[in-house]
Amino acid sequence: MTIKVSMAILGAAVALAGCGDKTNKTIDRGIDSHPVSELNAGIWVDPNGCDHWIIDDGVEGYLSARLDKYGKPVCSGIAAPNTAVGDFKNGKRDPI
């Protein structure tokens, strides 16, 4: 078996190692795994001026559109487009 074939097999094995049924998206499966609900979220304003919830725990990041009770986008004007606000970095937990 040549080195190229061995490297291709190793590469495929590494690529497939992350595959699996991870249907529960409310759990952070990183090194310091914990429920996503325990992390602080900030707001990123998209180019259209609409809000998105963001969380960055240093390894993984999470983004979800901010919607009103009718499922429509919230465009609050909290910041300029393409700007993030709030304490969302490194997954700091809210002490409250």
PDB file of N, CA and C in Angstrom:
ATOM      1  N   MET A   1       0.862  -1.175   0.000  1.00  0.00           N
ATOM      2  CA  MET A   1       0.000   0.000   0.000  1.00  0.00           C
ATOM      3  C   MET A   1       0.902   1.230   0.000  1.00  0.00           C
ATOM      4  N   THR A   2       0.639   2.155  -0.890  1.00  0.00           N
ATOM      5  CA  THR A   2       1.472   3.339  -0.986  1.00  0.00           C
ATOM      6  C   THR A   2       1.100   4.353   0.089  1.00  0.00           C
ATOM      7  N   ILE A   3       1.989   5.305   0.283  1.00  0.00           N
ATOM      8  CA  ILE A   3       1.759   6.371   1.263  1.00  0.00           C
ATOM      9  C   ILE A   3       0.522   7.174   0.886  1.00  0.00           C
ATOM     10  N   LYS A   4       0.324   7.450  -0.406  1.00  0.00           N
ATOM     11  CA  LYS A   4      -0.836   8.236  -0.840  1.00  0.00           C
ATOM     12  C   LYS A   4      -2.145   7.528  -0.511  1.00  0.00           C
ATOM     13  N   VAL A   5      -2.196   6.225  -0.736  1.00  0.00           N
ATOM     14  CA  VAL A   5      -3.401   5.452  -0.446  1.00  0.00           C
ATOM     15  C   VAL A   5      -3.642   5.433   1.064  1.00  0.00           C
ATOM     16  N   SER A   6      -2.588   5.238   1.833  1.00  0.00           N
ATOM     17  CA  SER A   6      -2.715   5.232   3.297  1.00  0.00           C
ATOM     18  C   SER A   6      -3.230   6.571   3.805  1.00  0.00           C
ATOM     19  N   MET A   7      -2.709   7.658   3.270  1.00  0.00           N
ATOM     20  CA  MET A   7      -3.146   8.994   3.685  1.00  0.00           C
ATOM     21  C   MET A   7      -4.596   9.240   3.292  1.00  0.00           C
ATOM     22  N   ALA A   8      -5.010   8.734   2.122  1.00  0.00           N
ATOM     23  CA  ALA A   8      -6.400   8.887   1.682  1.00  0.00           C
ATOM     24  C   ALA A   8      -7.340   8.139   2.613  1.00  0.00           C
ATOM     25  N   ILE A   9      -6.958   6.937   3.007  1.00  0.00           N
ATOM     26  CA  ILE A   9      -7.786   6.145   3.928  1.00  0.00           C
ATOM     27  C   ILE A   9      -7.861   6.835   5.285  1.00  0.00           C
ATOM     28  N   LEU A  10      -6.726   7.313   5.777  1.00  0.00           N
ATOM     29  CA  LEU A  10      -6.703   8.025   7.056  1.00  0.00           C
ATOM     30  C   LEU A  10      -7.563   9.285   6.982  1.00  0.00           C
ATOM     31  N   GLY A  11      -7.470  10.029   5.902  1.00  0.00           N
ATOM     32  CA  GLY A  11      -8.275  11.237   5.727  1.00  0.00           C
ATOM     33  C   GLY A  11      -9.765  10.933   5.719  1.00  0.00           C
ATOM     34  N   ALA A  12     -10.152   9.859   5.045  1.00  0.00           N
ATOM     35  CA  ALA A  12     -11.564   9.471   4.996  1.00  0.00           C
ATOM     36  C   ALA A  12     -12.056   9.057   6.374  1.00  0.00           C
ATOM     37  N   ALA A  13     -11.223   8.342   7.127  1.00  0.00           N
ATOM     38  CA  ALA A  13     -11.612   7.915   8.477  1.00  0.00           C
ATOM     39  C   ALA A  13     -11.814   9.114   9.391  1.00  0.00           C
ATOM     40  N   VAL A  14     -10.923  10.079   9.301  1.00  0.00           N
ATOM     41  CA  VAL A  14     -11.054  11.290  10.130  1.00  0.00           C
ATOM     42  C   VAL A  14     -12.292  12.075   9.732  1.00  0.00           C
ATOM     43  N   ALA A  15     -12.549  12.194   8.456  1.00  0.00           N
ATOM     44  CA  ALA A  15     -13.722  12.943   7.982  1.00  0.00           C
ATOM     45  C   ALA A  15     -15.017  12.292   8.444  1.00  0.00           C
ATOM     46  N   LEU A  16     -15.080  10.974   8.451  1.00  0.00           N
ATOM     47  CA  LEU A  16     -16.292  10.273   8.849  1.00  0.00           C
ATOM     48  C   LEU A  16     -16.449  10.157  10.360  1.00  0.00           C
ATOM     49  N   ALA A  17     -15.394  10.406  11.115  1.00  0.00           N
ATOM     50  CA  ALA A  17     -15.460  10.270  12.570  1.00  0.00           C
ATOM     51  C   ALA A  17     -16.466  11.242  13.183  1.00  0.00           C
ATOM     52  N   GLY A  18     -16.678  12.393  12.552  1.00  0.00           N
ATOM     53  CA  GLY A  18     -17.624  13.374  13.077  1.00  0.00           C
ATOM     54  C   GLY A  18     -19.065  13.086  12.707  1.00  0.00           C
ATOM     55  N   CYS A  19     -19.275  12.093  11.857  1.00  0.00           N
ATOM     56  CA  CYS A  19     -20.634  11.756  11.439  1.00  0.00           C
ATOM     57  C   CYS A  19     -21.335  10.949  12.519  1.00  0.00           C
ATOM     58  N   GLY A  20     -22.631  11.072  12.557  1.00  0.00           N
ATOM     59  CA  GLY A  20     -23.402  10.310  13.523  1.00  0.00           C
ATOM     60  C   GLY A  20     -24.734  10.985  13.738  1.00  0.00           C
ATOM     61  N   ASP A  21     -25.588  10.332  14.464  1.00  0.00           N
ATOM     62  CA  ASP A  21     -26.915  10.876  14.740  1.00  0.00           C
ATOM     63  C   ASP A  21     -26.855  11.747  15.982  1.00  0.00           C
ATOM     64  N   LYS A  22     -26.758  13.030  15.789  1.00  0.00           N
ATOM     65  CA  LYS A  22     -26.720  13.989  16.892  1.00  0.00           C
ATOM     66  C   LYS A  22     -27.947  14.882  16.758  1.00  0.00           C
ATOM     67  N   THR A  23     -29.102  14.321  17.017  1.00  0.00           N
ATOM     68  CA  THR A  23     -30.347  15.032  16.792  1.00  0.00           C
ATOM     69  C   THR A  23     -30.655  16.063  17.858  1.00  0.00           C
ATOM     70  N   ASN A  24     -30.128  15.935  19.064  1.00  0.00           N
ATOM     71  CA  ASN A  24     -30.391  16.895  20.126  1.00  0.00           C
ATOM     72  C   ASN A  24     -29.453  18.079  19.973  1.00  0.00           C
ATOM     73  N   LYS A  25     -29.932  19.149  19.381  1.00  0.00           N
ATOM     74  CA  LYS A  25     -29.111  20.326  19.111  1.00  0.00           C
ATOM     75  C   LYS A  25     -29.045  21.281  20.315  1.00  0.00           C
ATOM     76  N   THR A  26     -29.663  20.904  21.444  1.00  0.00           N
ATOM     77  CA  THR A  26     -29.631  21.765  22.620  1.00  0.00           C
ATOM     78  C   THR A  26     -28.431  21.486  23.512  1.00  0.00           C
ATOM     79  N   ILE A  27     -27.619  20.488  23.173  1.00  0.00           N
ATOM     80  CA  ILE A  27     -26.455  20.125  23.966  1.00  0.00           C
ATOM     81  C   ILE A  27     -25.188  20.457  23.191  1.00  0.00           C
ATOM     82  N   ASP A  28     -24.271  21.175  23.843  1.00  0.00           N
ATOM     83  CA  ASP A  28     -22.953  21.456  23.290  1.00  0.00           C
ATOM     84  C   ASP A  28     -22.128  20.194  23.484  1.00  0.00           C
ATOM     85  N   ARG A  29     -21.622  19.610  22.419  1.00  0.00           N
ATOM     86  CA  ARG A  29     -20.886  18.364  22.524  1.00  0.00           C
ATOM     87  C   ARG A  29     -19.379  18.577  22.504  1.00  0.00           C
ATOM     88  N   GLY A  30     -18.921  19.775  22.788  1.00  0.00           N
ATOM     89  CA  GLY A  30     -17.502  20.082  22.764  1.00  0.00           C
ATOM     90  C   GLY A  30     -16.765  19.539  23.970  1.00  0.00           C
ATOM     91  N   ILE A  31     -15.530  19.960  24.117  1.00  0.00           N
ATOM     92  CA  ILE A  31     -14.667  19.527  25.211  1.00  0.00           C
ATOM     93  C   ILE A  31     -15.297  19.849  26.562  1.00  0.00           C
ATOM     94  N   ASP A  32     -15.893  21.024  26.671  1.00  0.00           N
ATOM     95  CA  ASP A  32     -16.524  21.462  27.921  1.00  0.00           C
ATOM     96  C   ASP A  32     -18.044  21.412  27.773  1.00  0.00           C
ATOM     97  N   SER A  33     -18.574  20.254  27.378  1.00  0.00           N
ATOM     98  CA  SER A  33     -19.982  20.137  27.014  1.00  0.00           C
ATOM     99  C   SER A  33     -20.932  20.527  28.151  1.00  0.00           C
ATOM    100  N   HIS A  34     -21.996  21.210  27.774  1.00  0.00           N
ATOM    101  CA  HIS A  34     -23.038  21.677  28.682  1.00  0.00           C
ATOM    102  C   HIS A  34     -24.226  22.122  27.836  1.00  0.00           C
ATOM    103  N   PRO A  35     -25.419  22.271  28.434  1.00  0.00           N
ATOM    104  CA  PRO A  35     -26.579  22.726  27.659  1.00  0.00           C
ATOM    105  C   PRO A  35     -26.350  24.120  27.071  1.00  0.00           C
ATOM    106  N   VAL A  36     -26.742  24.308  25.837  1.00  0.00           N
ATOM    107  CA  VAL A  36     -26.582  25.606  25.177  1.00  0.00           C
ATOM    108  C   VAL A  36     -27.366  26.686  25.921  1.00  0.00           C
ATOM    109  N   SER A  37     -28.452  26.301  26.588  1.00  0.00           N
ATOM    110  CA  SER A  37     -29.265  27.280  27.318  1.00  0.00           C
ATOM    111  C   SER A  37     -28.514  27.910  28.487  1.00  0.00           C
ATOM    112  N   GLU A  38     -27.383  27.339  28.889  1.00  0.00           N
ATOM    113  CA  GLU A  38     -26.593  27.910  29.978  1.00  0.00           C
ATOM    114  C   GLU A  38     -25.567  28.930  29.492  1.00  0.00           C
ATOM    115  N   LEU A  39     -25.484  29.152  28.195  1.00  0.00           N
ATOM    116  CA  LEU A  39     -24.523  30.096  27.626  1.00  0.00           C
ATOM    117  C   LEU A  39     -25.167  31.461  27.412  1.00  0.00           C
ATOM    118  N   ASN A  40     -24.342  32.502  27.417  1.00  0.00           N
ATOM    119  CA  ASN A  40     -24.839  33.845  27.120  1.00  0.00           C
ATOM    120  C   ASN A  40     -24.955  34.026  25.613  1.00  0.00           C
ATOM    121  N   ALA A  41     -26.046  34.608  25.189  1.00  0.00           N
ATOM    122  CA  ALA A  41     -26.242  34.892  23.766  1.00  0.00           C
ATOM    123  C   ALA A  41     -26.095  36.387  23.527  1.00  0.00           C
ATOM    124  N   GLY A  42     -25.559  36.720  22.389  1.00  0.00           N
ATOM    125  CA  GLY A  42     -25.504  38.098  21.936  1.00  0.00           C
ATOM    126  C   GLY A  42     -26.379  38.216  20.704  1.00  0.00           C
ATOM    127  N   ILE A  43     -26.319  39.365  20.080  1.00  0.00           N
ATOM    128  CA  ILE A  43     -27.107  39.593  18.862  1.00  0.00           C
ATOM    129  C   ILE A  43     -26.171  40.053  17.753  1.00  0.00           C
ATOM    130  N   TRP A  44     -26.263  39.384  16.609  1.00  0.00           N
ATOM    131  CA  TRP A  44     -25.579  39.831  15.395  1.00  0.00           C
ATOM    132  C   TRP A  44     -26.647  40.389  14.482  1.00  0.00           C
ATOM    133  N   VAL A  45     -26.382  41.570  13.919  1.00  0.00           N
ATOM    134  CA  VAL A  45     -27.316  42.206  12.992  1.00  0.00           C
ATOM    135  C   VAL A  45     -26.833  41.921  11.568  1.00  0.00           C
ATOM    136  N   ASP A  46     -27.691  41.285  10.782  1.00  0.00           N
ATOM    137  CA  ASP A  46     -27.312  40.909   9.417  1.00  0.00           C
ATOM    138  C   ASP A  46     -27.317  42.135   8.496  1.00  0.00           C
ATOM    139  N   PRO A  47     -26.860  41.986   7.251  1.00  0.00           N
ATOM    140  CA  PRO A  47     -26.801  43.120   6.326  1.00  0.00           C
ATOM    141  C   PRO A  47     -28.155  43.790   6.076  1.00  0.00           C
ATOM    142  N   ASN A  48     -29.259  43.061   6.303  1.00  0.00           N
ATOM    143  CA  ASN A  48     -30.595  43.634   6.120  1.00  0.00           C
ATOM    144  C   ASN A  48     -31.109  44.335   7.368  1.00  0.00           C
ATOM    145  N   GLY A  49     -30.336  44.299   8.460  1.00  0.00           N
ATOM    146  CA  GLY A  49     -30.737  44.959   9.700  1.00  0.00           C
ATOM    147  C   GLY A  49     -31.547  44.084  10.646  1.00  0.00           C
ATOM    148  N   CYS A  50     -31.619  42.784  10.382  1.00  0.00           N
ATOM    149  CA  CYS A  50     -32.400  41.885  11.240  1.00  0.00           C
ATOM    150  C   CYS A  50     -31.485  41.149  12.221  1.00  0.00           C
ATOM    151  N   ASP A  51     -32.047  40.809  13.382  1.00  0.00           N
ATOM    152  CA  ASP A  51     -31.286  40.245  14.494  1.00  0.00           C
ATOM    153  C   ASP A  51     -31.158  38.730  14.401  1.00  0.00           C
ATOM    154  N   HIS A  52     -30.018  38.222  14.905  1.00  0.00           N
ATOM    155  CA  HIS A  52     -29.767  36.786  15.020  1.00  0.00           C
ATOM    156  C   HIS A  52     -29.119  36.542  16.378  1.00  0.00           C
ATOM    157  N   TRP A  53     -29.586  35.524  17.106  1.00  0.00           N
ATOM    158  CA  TRP A  53     -28.944  35.138  18.360  1.00  0.00           C
ATOM    159  C   TRP A  53     -27.622  34.469  18.010  1.00  0.00           C
ATOM    160  N   ILE A  54     -26.545  34.813  18.738  1.00  0.00           N
ATOM    161  CA  ILE A  54     -25.238  34.185  18.513  1.00  0.00           C
ATOM    162  C   ILE A  54     -24.625  33.776  19.852  1.00  0.00           C
ATOM    163  N   ILE A  55     -23.899  32.672  19.822  1.00  0.00           N
ATOM    164  CA  ILE A  55     -23.122  32.201  20.971  1.00  0.00           C
ATOM    165  C   ILE A  55     -21.798  31.691  20.418  1.00  0.00           C
ATOM    166  N   ASP A  56     -20.699  32.026  21.084  1.00  0.00           N
ATOM    167  CA  ASP A  56     -19.381  31.542  20.693  1.00  0.00           C
ATOM    168  C   ASP A  56     -18.709  30.991  21.939  1.00  0.00           C
ATOM    169  N   ASP A  57     -18.526  29.665  22.011  1.00  0.00           N
ATOM    170  CA  ASP A  57     -17.888  29.103  23.202  1.00  0.00           C
ATOM    171  C   ASP A  57     -16.396  28.878  23.004  1.00  0.00           C
ATOM    172  N   GLY A  58     -15.830  29.466  21.963  1.00  0.00           N
ATOM    173  CA  GLY A  58     -14.403  29.370  21.726  1.00  0.00           C
ATOM    174  C   GLY A  58     -14.022  28.260  20.766  1.00  0.00           C
ATOM    175  N   VAL A  59     -14.809  27.201  20.695  1.00  0.00           N
ATOM    176  CA  VAL A  59     -14.550  26.093  19.785  1.00  0.00           C
ATOM    177  C   VAL A  59     -15.661  26.012  18.755  1.00  0.00           C
ATOM    178  N   GLU A  60     -16.881  26.133  19.237  1.00  0.00           N
ATOM    179  CA  GLU A  60     -18.047  26.054  18.362  1.00  0.00           C
ATOM    180  C   GLU A  60     -18.799  27.377  18.422  1.00  0.00           C
ATOM    181  N   GLY A  61     -19.582  27.622  17.410  1.00  0.00           N
ATOM    182  CA  GLY A  61     -20.420  28.804  17.395  1.00  0.00           C
ATOM    183  C   GLY A  61     -21.847  28.424  17.052  1.00  0.00           C
ATOM    184  N   TYR A  62     -22.777  29.208  17.522  1.00  0.00           N
ATOM    185  CA  TYR A  62     -24.192  28.950  17.290  1.00  0.00           C
ATOM    186  C   TYR A  62     -24.837  30.228  16.776  1.00  0.00           C
ATOM    187  N   LEU A  63     -25.753  30.103  15.826  1.00  0.00           N
ATOM    188  CA  LEU A  63     -26.460  31.238  15.262  1.00  0.00           C
ATOM    189  C   LEU A  63     -27.888  30.818  14.965  1.00  0.00           C
ATOM    190  N   SER A  64     -28.831  31.673  15.333  1.00  0.00           N
ATOM    191  CA  SER A  64     -30.234  31.386  15.070  1.00  0.00           C
ATOM    192  C   SER A  64     -30.952  32.708  14.842  1.00  0.00           C
ATOM    193  N   ALA A  65     -31.824  32.744  13.862  1.00  0.00           N
ATOM    194  CA  ALA A  65     -32.584  33.964  13.594  1.00  0.00           C
ATOM    195  C   ALA A  65     -33.436  34.320  14.812  1.00  0.00           C
ATOM    196  N   ARG A  66     -33.499  35.596  15.132  1.00  0.00           N
ATOM    197  CA  ARG A  66     -34.357  36.076  16.218  1.00  0.00           C
ATOM    198  C   ARG A  66     -35.736  36.337  15.628  1.00  0.00           C
ATOM    199  N   LEU A  67     -36.733  35.605  16.107  1.00  0.00           N
ATOM    200  CA  LEU A  67     -38.079  35.686  15.539  1.00  0.00           C
ATOM    201  C   LEU A  67     -39.082  36.159  16.584  1.00  0.00           C
ATOM    202  N   ASP A  68     -40.133  36.844  16.116  1.00  0.00           N
ATOM    203  CA  ASP A  68     -41.203  37.244  17.029  1.00  0.00           C
ATOM    204  C   ASP A  68     -42.161  36.061  17.226  1.00  0.00           C
ATOM    205  N   LYS A  69     -43.201  36.257  18.015  1.00  0.00           N
ATOM    206  CA  LYS A  69     -44.107  35.142  18.327  1.00  0.00           C
ATOM    207  C   LYS A  69     -44.878  34.629  17.111  1.00  0.00           C
ATOM    208  N   TYR A  70     -44.861  35.378  16.007  1.00  0.00           N
ATOM    209  CA  TYR A  70     -45.528  34.947  14.780  1.00  0.00           C
ATOM    210  C   TYR A  70     -44.551  34.311  13.786  1.00  0.00           C
ATOM    211  N   GLY A  71     -43.269  34.209  14.180  1.00  0.00           N
ATOM    212  CA  GLY A  71     -42.260  33.606  13.313  1.00  0.00           C
ATOM    213  C   GLY A  71     -41.631  34.565  12.319  1.00  0.00           C
ATOM    214  N   LYS A  72     -41.879  35.861  12.490  1.00  0.00           N
ATOM    215  CA  LYS A  72     -41.295  36.851  11.584  1.00  0.00           C
ATOM    216  C   LYS A  72     -39.983  37.380  12.170  1.00  0.00           C
ATOM    217  N   PRO A  73     -39.012  37.743  11.312  1.00  0.00           N
ATOM    218  CA  PRO A  73     -37.723  38.242  11.796  1.00  0.00           C
ATOM    219  C   PRO A  73     -37.874  39.513  12.640  1.00  0.00           C
ATOM    220  N   VAL A  74     -37.041  39.607  13.689  1.00  0.00           N
ATOM    221  CA  VAL A  74     -36.983  40.804  14.514  1.00  0.00           C
ATOM    222  C   VAL A  74     -35.843  41.668  13.977  1.00  0.00           C
ATOM    223  N   CYS A  75     -36.142  42.921  13.674  1.00  0.00           N
ATOM    224  CA  CYS A  75     -35.149  43.870  13.182  1.00  0.00           C
ATOM    225  C   CYS A  75     -35.207  45.071  14.125  1.00  0.00           C
ATOM    226  N   SER A  76     -34.541  44.945  15.279  1.00  0.00           N
ATOM    227  CA  SER A  76     -34.696  45.902  16.383  1.00  0.00           C
ATOM    228  C   SER A  76     -33.938  47.204  16.211  1.00  0.00           C
ATOM    229  N   GLY A  77     -32.897  47.219  15.389  1.00  0.00           N
ATOM    230  CA  GLY A  77     -32.088  48.431  15.262  1.00  0.00           C
ATOM    231  C   GLY A  77     -31.108  48.592  16.411  1.00  0.00           C
ATOM    232  N   ILE A  78     -30.817  47.500  17.136  1.00  0.00           N
ATOM    233  CA  ILE A  78     -29.925  47.556  18.290  1.00  0.00           C
ATOM    234  C   ILE A  78     -28.494  47.936  17.907  1.00  0.00           C
ATOM    235  N   ALA A  79     -28.112  47.653  16.667  1.00  0.00           N
ATOM    236  CA  ALA A  79     -26.759  47.964  16.200  1.00  0.00           C
ATOM    237  C   ALA A  79     -26.776  48.117  14.684  1.00  0.00           C
ATOM    238  N   ALA A  80     -25.663  48.613  14.159  1.00  0.00           N
ATOM    239  CA  ALA A  80     -25.525  48.768  12.708  1.00  0.00           C
ATOM    240  C   ALA A  80     -25.439  47.394  12.047  1.00  0.00           C
ATOM    241  N   PRO A  81     -25.830  47.284  10.783  1.00  0.00           N
ATOM    242  CA  PRO A  81     -25.699  46.004  10.073  1.00  0.00           C
ATOM    243  C   PRO A  81     -24.267  45.462  10.139  1.00  0.00           C
ATOM    244  N   ASN A  82     -24.152  44.145  10.156  1.00  0.00           N
ATOM    245  CA  ASN A  82     -22.869  43.431  10.249  1.00  0.00           C
ATOM    246  C   ASN A  82     -22.126  43.711  11.548  1.00  0.00           C
ATOM    247  N   THR A  83     -22.865  43.962  12.620  1.00  0.00           N
ATOM    248  CA  THR A  83     -22.284  44.235  13.932  1.00  0.00           C
ATOM    249  C   THR A  83     -22.846  43.239  14.942  1.00  0.00           C
ATOM    250  N   ALA A  84     -22.001  42.820  15.882  1.00  0.00           N
ATOM    251  CA  ALA A  84     -22.432  41.935  16.969  1.00  0.00           C
ATOM    252  C   ALA A  84     -22.361  42.700  18.286  1.00  0.00           C
ATOM    253  N   VAL A  85     -23.351  42.485  19.140  1.00  0.00           N
ATOM    254  CA  VAL A  85     -23.385  43.115  20.458  1.00  0.00           C
ATOM    255  C   VAL A  85     -23.726  42.062  21.508  1.00  0.00           C
ATOM    256  N   GLY A  86     -23.291  42.306  22.732  1.00  0.00           N
ATOM    257  CA  GLY A  86     -23.626  41.416  23.830  1.00  0.00           C
ATOM    258  C   GLY A  86     -22.449  40.566  24.261  1.00  0.00           C
ATOM    259  N   ASP A  87     -22.629  39.872  25.378  1.00  0.00           N
ATOM    260  CA  ASP A  87     -21.593  39.032  25.973  1.00  0.00           C
ATOM    261  C   ASP A  87     -21.759  37.601  25.483  1.00  0.00           C
ATOM    262  N   PHE A  88     -21.310  37.336  24.261  1.00  0.00           N
ATOM    263  CA  PHE A  88     -21.528  36.035  23.636  1.00  0.00           C
ATOM    264  C   PHE A  88     -20.248  35.241  23.434  1.00  0.00           C
ATOM    265  N   LYS A  89     -19.102  35.801  23.749  1.00  0.00           N
ATOM    266  CA  LYS A  89     -17.834  35.124  23.475  1.00  0.00           C
ATOM    267  C   LYS A  89     -17.441  34.149  24.563  1.00  0.00           C
ATOM    268  N   ASN A  90     -16.804  33.094  24.157  1.00  0.00           N
ATOM    269  CA  ASN A  90     -16.257  32.063  25.047  1.00  0.00           C
ATOM    270  C   ASN A  90     -17.312  31.354  25.877  1.00  0.00           C
ATOM    271  N   GLY A  91     -18.568  31.463  25.535  1.00  0.00           N
ATOM    272  CA  GLY A  91     -19.601  30.699  26.211  1.00  0.00           C
ATOM    273  C   GLY A  91     -19.731  30.999  27.678  1.00  0.00           C
ATOM    274  N   LYS A  92     -19.415  32.218  28.073  1.00  0.00           N
ATOM    275  CA  LYS A  92     -19.515  32.571  29.486  1.00  0.00           C
ATOM    276  C   LYS A  92     -20.918  32.315  29.990  1.00  0.00           C
ATOM    277  N   ARG A  93     -21.017  31.744  31.155  1.00  0.00           N
ATOM    278  CA  ARG A  93     -22.320  31.451  31.735  1.00  0.00           C
ATOM    279  C   ARG A  93     -22.836  32.662  32.485  1.00  0.00           C
ATOM    280  N   ASP A  94     -24.135  32.862  32.401  1.00  0.00           N
ATOM    281  CA  ASP A  94     -24.803  33.945  33.097  1.00  0.00           C
ATOM    282  C   ASP A  94     -24.875  33.603  34.583  1.00  0.00           C
ATOM    283  N   PRO A  95     -24.347  34.471  35.472  1.00  0.00           N
ATOM    284  CA  PRO A  95     -24.335  34.143  36.894  1.00  0.00           C
ATOM    285  C   PRO A  95     -25.715  34.174  37.541  1.00  0.00           C
ATOM    286  N   ILE A  96     -26.726  34.672  36.856  1.00  0.00           N
ATOM    287  CA  ILE A  96     -28.069  34.772  37.456  1.00  0.00           C
ATOM    288  C   ILE A  96     -28.801  33.464  37.317  1.00  0.00           C
TER     289      ILE A  96
END
